[in-house]
Protein backbone atom coordinates (compact mmCIF):
# COMPACT_ATOMS: atom_id res chain seq x y z
CA MET A 1 -91.48 215.79 204.98
CA SER A 2 -92.91 217.16 201.74
CA ALA A 3 -94.63 214.66 199.46
CA GLY A 4 -93.07 216.49 196.53
CA ASP A 5 -89.62 215.82 197.96
CA LEU A 6 -90.23 212.08 197.82
CA ALA A 7 -92.52 211.67 194.83
CA ARG A 8 -90.19 212.96 192.14
CA PRO A 9 -87.46 210.45 191.20
CA THR A 10 -85.10 213.29 190.24
CA ARG A 11 -85.35 215.03 193.62
CA ARG A 12 -82.24 213.27 194.96
CA THR A 13 -80.22 214.41 191.93
CA GLU A 14 -81.57 217.96 192.21
CA LEU A 15 -80.75 218.15 195.92
CA LEU A 16 -77.30 216.68 195.32
CA GLU A 17 -76.52 219.40 192.76
CA LEU A 18 -77.78 222.14 195.10
CA ALA A 19 -75.83 220.64 198.02
CA TYR A 20 -72.72 220.39 195.84
CA ARG A 21 -72.94 224.09 194.97
CA TYR A 22 -73.33 224.79 198.69
CA VAL A 23 -70.18 222.86 199.68
CA LEU A 24 -68.20 224.44 196.84
CA GLU A 25 -68.97 227.78 198.46
CA HIS A 26 -68.88 226.83 202.15
CA GLY A 27 -66.64 223.77 202.29
CA LEU A 28 -67.08 220.53 204.22
CA SER A 29 -65.42 221.41 207.53
CA ASP A 30 -68.50 222.65 209.34
CA LEU A 31 -71.11 220.92 207.24
CA SER A 32 -74.31 220.60 209.23
CA LEU A 33 -77.53 219.16 207.85
CA ARG A 34 -79.85 221.91 209.11
CA PRO A 35 -78.19 224.90 207.38
CA LEU A 36 -77.49 222.76 204.32
CA ALA A 37 -81.15 221.68 204.12
CA THR A 38 -82.30 225.29 204.49
CA ALA A 39 -79.92 226.42 201.73
CA VAL A 40 -81.17 223.76 199.30
CA GLY A 41 -84.86 224.24 200.12
CA SER A 42 -85.38 220.94 201.91
CA SER A 43 -85.19 219.54 205.43
CA PRO A 44 -82.72 217.35 207.36
CA ARG A 45 -85.30 214.54 207.39
CA VAL A 46 -85.62 214.56 203.62
CA LEU A 47 -81.83 214.61 203.14
CA LEU A 48 -81.46 211.64 205.49
CA TYR A 49 -84.30 209.80 203.76
CA LEU A 50 -82.84 210.34 200.29
CA PHE A 51 -79.17 209.77 201.14
CA GLY A 52 -79.41 207.39 204.11
CA SER A 53 -77.03 209.22 206.44
CA LYS A 54 -74.84 212.30 206.62
CA ASP A 55 -71.78 210.17 205.73
CA ARG A 56 -73.54 208.85 202.63
CA LEU A 57 -74.49 212.38 201.63
CA ILE A 58 -70.85 213.44 202.01
CA THR A 59 -69.77 210.41 199.96
CA ALA A 60 -72.22 211.44 197.21
CA LEU A 61 -70.91 215.02 197.30
CA LEU A 62 -67.32 213.82 197.02
CA ALA A 63 -68.25 211.54 194.12
CA ARG A 64 -69.81 214.59 192.47
CA ALA A 65 -66.56 216.50 193.03
CA ARG A 66 -64.68 213.55 191.56
CA ALA A 67 -66.77 213.84 188.39
CA ASP A 68 -65.69 217.47 188.09
CA GLU A 69 -62.07 216.50 188.70
CA LEU A 70 -62.27 213.94 185.88
CA ARG A 71 -63.75 216.65 183.64
CA LEU A 72 -60.76 218.86 184.54
CA LEU A 73 -58.36 216.02 183.70
CA ALA A 74 -60.09 215.52 180.37
CA LEU A 75 -59.61 219.21 179.55
CA ALA A 76 -55.88 218.89 180.25
CA ARG A 77 -55.35 215.62 178.37
CA ARG A 78 -54.08 215.70 174.79
CA PRO A 79 -55.51 213.37 172.13
CA ALA A 80 -54.06 209.85 172.32
CA ALA A 81 -52.33 210.12 168.95
CA THR A 82 -50.48 213.31 169.92
CA PRO A 83 -46.69 212.83 170.20
CA ALA A 84 -45.13 213.51 173.61
CA VAL A 85 -44.68 217.28 173.94
CA GLY A 86 -42.45 217.24 177.00
CA LEU A 87 -43.25 217.13 180.70
CA ASP A 88 -42.59 220.88 180.95
CA VAL A 89 -45.34 221.69 178.41
CA VAL A 90 -47.87 219.44 180.17
CA VAL A 91 -47.04 221.01 183.56
CA GLU A 92 -47.53 224.50 182.13
CA ASP A 93 -50.83 223.50 180.51
CA ILE A 94 -52.09 221.95 183.76
CA TRP A 95 -51.06 225.00 185.77
CA ASP A 96 -52.83 227.36 183.37
CA LEU A 97 -55.97 225.30 183.88
CA LEU A 98 -55.59 225.15 187.68
CA VAL A 99 -55.17 228.91 188.13
CA SER A 100 -58.39 229.65 186.26
CA ALA A 101 -60.79 231.36 188.66
CA ASP A 102 -63.54 228.96 187.50
CA GLN A 103 -61.68 226.00 189.03
CA ARG A 104 -60.90 227.50 192.45
CA PRO A 105 -63.98 226.33 194.38
CA LEU A 106 -63.42 222.74 193.22
CA LEU A 107 -59.70 222.90 193.98
CA ALA A 108 -60.29 224.44 197.41
CA LEU A 109 -62.71 221.58 198.16
CA TRP A 110 -60.12 219.06 196.97
CA VAL A 111 -57.38 220.57 199.18
CA GLU A 112 -59.75 220.67 202.15
CA GLY A 113 -60.73 217.05 201.56
CA CYS A 114 -57.11 215.91 201.32
CA ALA A 115 -56.17 217.77 204.52
CA ARG A 116 -59.13 216.32 206.41
CA SER A 117 -58.39 212.82 205.14
CA LEU A 118 -55.19 212.75 207.20
CA ARG A 119 -57.25 212.45 210.39
CA ASN A 120 -60.64 211.37 209.08
CA PRO A 121 -61.19 207.64 208.55
CA GLY A 122 -64.72 208.33 207.20
CA PRO A 123 -65.87 209.18 203.68
CA ILE A 124 -63.43 212.06 203.23
CA GLY A 125 -60.47 209.84 204.07
CA ARG A 126 -61.73 207.16 201.69
CA TRP A 127 -62.20 209.79 198.97
CA CYS A 128 -58.55 210.82 199.00
CA ARG A 129 -56.94 207.48 199.68
CA GLY A 130 -59.42 204.81 198.69
CA PRO A 131 -61.67 204.18 195.68
CA PHE A 132 -61.60 207.88 194.73
CA GLU A 133 -57.81 207.93 194.46
CA THR A 134 -56.62 210.86 192.37
CA VAL A 135 -52.82 210.71 192.45
CA ASP A 136 -52.50 208.05 189.74
CA ASP A 137 -54.81 210.02 187.43
CA TRP A 138 -52.61 213.10 187.63
CA LEU A 139 -49.39 211.09 187.29
CA SER A 140 -50.85 209.41 184.19
CA LEU A 141 -51.66 212.82 182.71
CA LEU A 142 -48.09 213.96 183.34
CA ALA A 143 -46.73 210.74 181.82
CA ASP A 144 -48.46 211.63 178.54
CA GLY A 145 -45.92 214.44 178.11
CA GLN A 146 -42.90 212.18 178.46
CA PRO A 147 -41.29 210.26 175.59
CA PRO A 148 -42.19 206.54 175.76
CA ALA A 149 -38.55 205.64 176.48
CA VAL A 150 -38.62 207.79 179.65
CA ARG A 151 -42.14 206.99 180.91
CA GLY A 152 -41.37 203.53 182.25
CA THR A 153 -38.09 204.39 183.96
CA GLU A 154 -37.51 205.22 187.62
CA ASP A 155 -36.21 208.65 186.61
CA GLY A 156 -39.33 209.27 184.54
CA ARG A 157 -41.58 208.38 187.45
CA ALA A 158 -39.54 210.52 189.85
CA GLU A 159 -39.85 213.48 187.46
CA ARG A 160 -43.64 213.06 187.38
CA VAL A 161 -43.88 212.81 191.17
CA LEU A 162 -41.75 215.95 191.56
CA ALA A 163 -43.81 217.81 188.94
CA LEU A 164 -47.03 216.85 190.75
CA ALA A 165 -45.54 217.97 194.07
CA VAL A 166 -44.61 221.34 192.54
CA LEU A 167 -48.12 221.74 191.10
CA ARG A 168 -49.79 220.82 194.39
CA GLY A 169 -47.53 223.03 196.48
CA ALA A 170 -48.01 226.00 194.16
CA LEU A 171 -51.76 225.35 194.07
CA ILE A 172 -52.07 225.34 197.87
CA ASP A 173 -49.94 228.49 198.06
CA MET A 174 -52.09 230.20 195.41
CA LEU A 175 -55.35 229.21 197.13
CA LEU A 176 -54.07 230.47 200.50
CA THR A 177 -52.57 233.75 199.31
CA GLY A 178 -54.36 234.51 196.05
CA ASP A 179 -50.94 235.34 194.57
CA VAL A 180 -51.22 233.95 191.05
CA GLU A 181 -48.21 235.87 189.72
CA ARG A 182 -45.70 234.59 192.27
CA THR A 183 -46.90 230.97 192.18
CA THR A 184 -47.00 230.98 188.38
CA ALA A 185 -43.42 232.25 188.30
CA ALA A 186 -42.38 229.35 190.54
CA VAL A 187 -44.10 226.78 188.30
CA ARG A 188 -42.55 228.34 185.19
CA ARG A 189 -39.11 228.17 186.80
CA HIS A 190 -39.60 224.45 187.43
CA CYS A 191 -40.63 224.02 183.80
CA THR A 192 -37.47 225.79 182.67
CA ALA A 193 -35.43 223.33 184.76
CA LEU A 194 -37.36 220.43 183.21
CA ARG A 195 -36.56 221.72 179.71
CA GLY A 196 -32.87 221.94 180.60
CA ALA A 197 -32.89 218.34 181.82
CA GLN A 198 -34.57 216.87 178.72
């Protein structure tokens, strides 16, 4: 174990950022400490010393991904004083943000994490269904587009849930196939239907 690895108080943060870049590129499915440590210029012993365990390292990586997700939400959110623009406009704005090539590694990691959480009771499962819950954040963002009179109704909530399902389904399709044009057309068609219903 290198003395430099342990002496600098920022080493944990530096390694976390390097490890995060690694998982954005390689995913979490086959994450092994030895290749990860080699990629970030450290060793498995140092990673275990700094993070405590592989599960705690994964938890830290998912928290880091959560910070990026919150940044993405902030980009999509309109100022608080902005009048409701319509659920269709918010869905289109979110989709335009999601299909940006810059966001794909984060979104692929998010989809992978959600899929793994179905059978993983460990940190990945807790990330998607526990303290790192994301569904309410996205539903809240969608609610911002609805008129106040609609937001609190059952129909308003159902519209948001459906819009989120359309966004997620199109996102998974786009990540799997790379077909931005077809998935964008599907999202736009849903937005047209939303406009007709308002």
